[in-house]
Amino acid sequence: MMEMFVVYERPRDYPDRFVLRRWSIGGNKMEADRDWFYLGDTLKEVREKVPPHCVCIRRHTNDEPQIVEVWI
């Protein structure tokens, strides 16, 4: 099982916040961890909650527009 952390800016469920969500990847599926997320007022604030061993990957052009970046 692999984890990734996705930074969102103003997603539909939190339109005035930045959100960091943990996703689990493995077994031919990918799902958000409903119990692990962090809300912040700034991008800097949520980036500080990304685990230190992670590496940032820029968003893909096909990603949802709310996605700022992905950390693996």
Protein backbone atom coordinates (compact mmCIF):
# COMPACT_ATOMS: atom_id res chain seq x y z
CA MET A 1 0.00 0.00 0.00
CA MET A 2 1.29 3.44 -0.93
CA GLU A 3 0.17 6.84 0.37
CA MET A 4 -0.07 10.17 -1.36
CA PHE A 5 -1.14 13.52 0.01
CA VAL A 6 -3.18 15.88 -2.15
CA VAL A 7 -3.44 19.63 -1.55
CA TYR A 8 -6.72 21.22 -2.64
CA GLU A 9 -7.62 24.89 -2.88
CA ARG A 10 -11.29 25.60 -2.17
CA PRO A 11 -12.76 22.14 -2.84
CA ARG A 12 -16.54 21.86 -2.93
CA ASP A 13 -16.80 20.54 0.63
CA TYR A 14 -14.62 23.36 2.05
CA PRO A 15 -15.00 26.30 -0.39
CA ASP A 16 -13.12 28.80 1.81
CA ARG A 17 -10.16 26.63 2.86
CA PHE A 18 -7.14 24.70 1.73
CA VAL A 19 -7.37 20.96 2.39
CA LEU A 20 -4.71 18.26 2.65
CA ARG A 21 -6.06 14.74 2.14
CA ARG A 22 -4.29 11.41 2.43
CA TRP A 23 -4.99 8.87 -0.29
CA SER A 24 -4.19 5.15 -0.20
CA ILE A 25 -3.12 3.46 -3.40
CA GLY A 26 -2.90 -0.28 -3.90
CA GLY A 27 -4.71 -3.37 -5.01
CA ASN A 28 -5.86 -1.66 -8.22
CA LYS A 29 -7.72 1.04 -6.31
CA MET A 30 -7.18 4.50 -4.96
CA GLU A 31 -9.27 6.02 -2.18
CA ALA A 32 -9.21 9.03 0.12
CA ASP A 33 -8.84 8.34 3.82
CA ARG A 34 -12.01 9.82 5.29
CA ASP A 35 -10.46 10.01 8.76
CA TRP A 36 -7.24 11.80 7.78
CA PHE A 37 -7.36 15.34 6.42
CA TYR A 38 -6.20 18.77 7.47
CA LEU A 39 -7.90 22.12 6.92
CA GLY A 40 -5.94 25.35 6.65
CA ASP A 41 -6.41 28.99 5.76
CA THR A 42 -3.24 29.16 3.65
CA LEU A 43 -1.27 26.95 1.32
CA LYS A 44 1.75 27.28 3.61
CA GLU A 45 -0.28 26.03 6.55
CA VAL A 46 -1.35 22.79 4.86
CA ARG A 47 2.09 22.19 3.31
CA GLU A 48 3.52 22.17 6.85
CA LYS A 49 1.36 19.10 7.59
CA VAL A 50 2.73 17.03 4.69
CA PRO A 51 5.01 14.28 6.08
CA PRO A 52 8.67 15.33 5.76
CA HIS A 53 9.70 12.31 3.66
CA CYS A 54 7.34 13.24 0.81
CA VAL A 55 8.30 14.73 -2.55
CA CYS A 56 6.09 17.24 -4.36
CA ILE A 57 4.72 16.53 -7.82
CA ARG A 58 3.04 19.32 -9.74
CA ARG A 59 -0.57 18.87 -10.68
CA HIS A 60 -1.34 17.14 -13.94
CA THR A 61 -3.27 19.12 -16.54
CA ASN A 62 -6.09 16.54 -16.30
CA ASP A 63 -6.44 16.91 -12.51
CA GLU A 64 -9.49 18.57 -11.02
CA PRO A 65 -8.96 22.36 -10.96
CA GLN A 66 -9.04 22.42 -7.12
CA ILE A 67 -5.89 20.27 -6.92
CA VAL A 68 -2.82 22.40 -6.24
CA GLU A 69 -0.19 19.66 -5.91
CA VAL A 70 0.41 16.06 -4.93
CA TRP A 71 2.99 14.72 -2.49
CA ILE A 72 4.27 11.14 -2.56
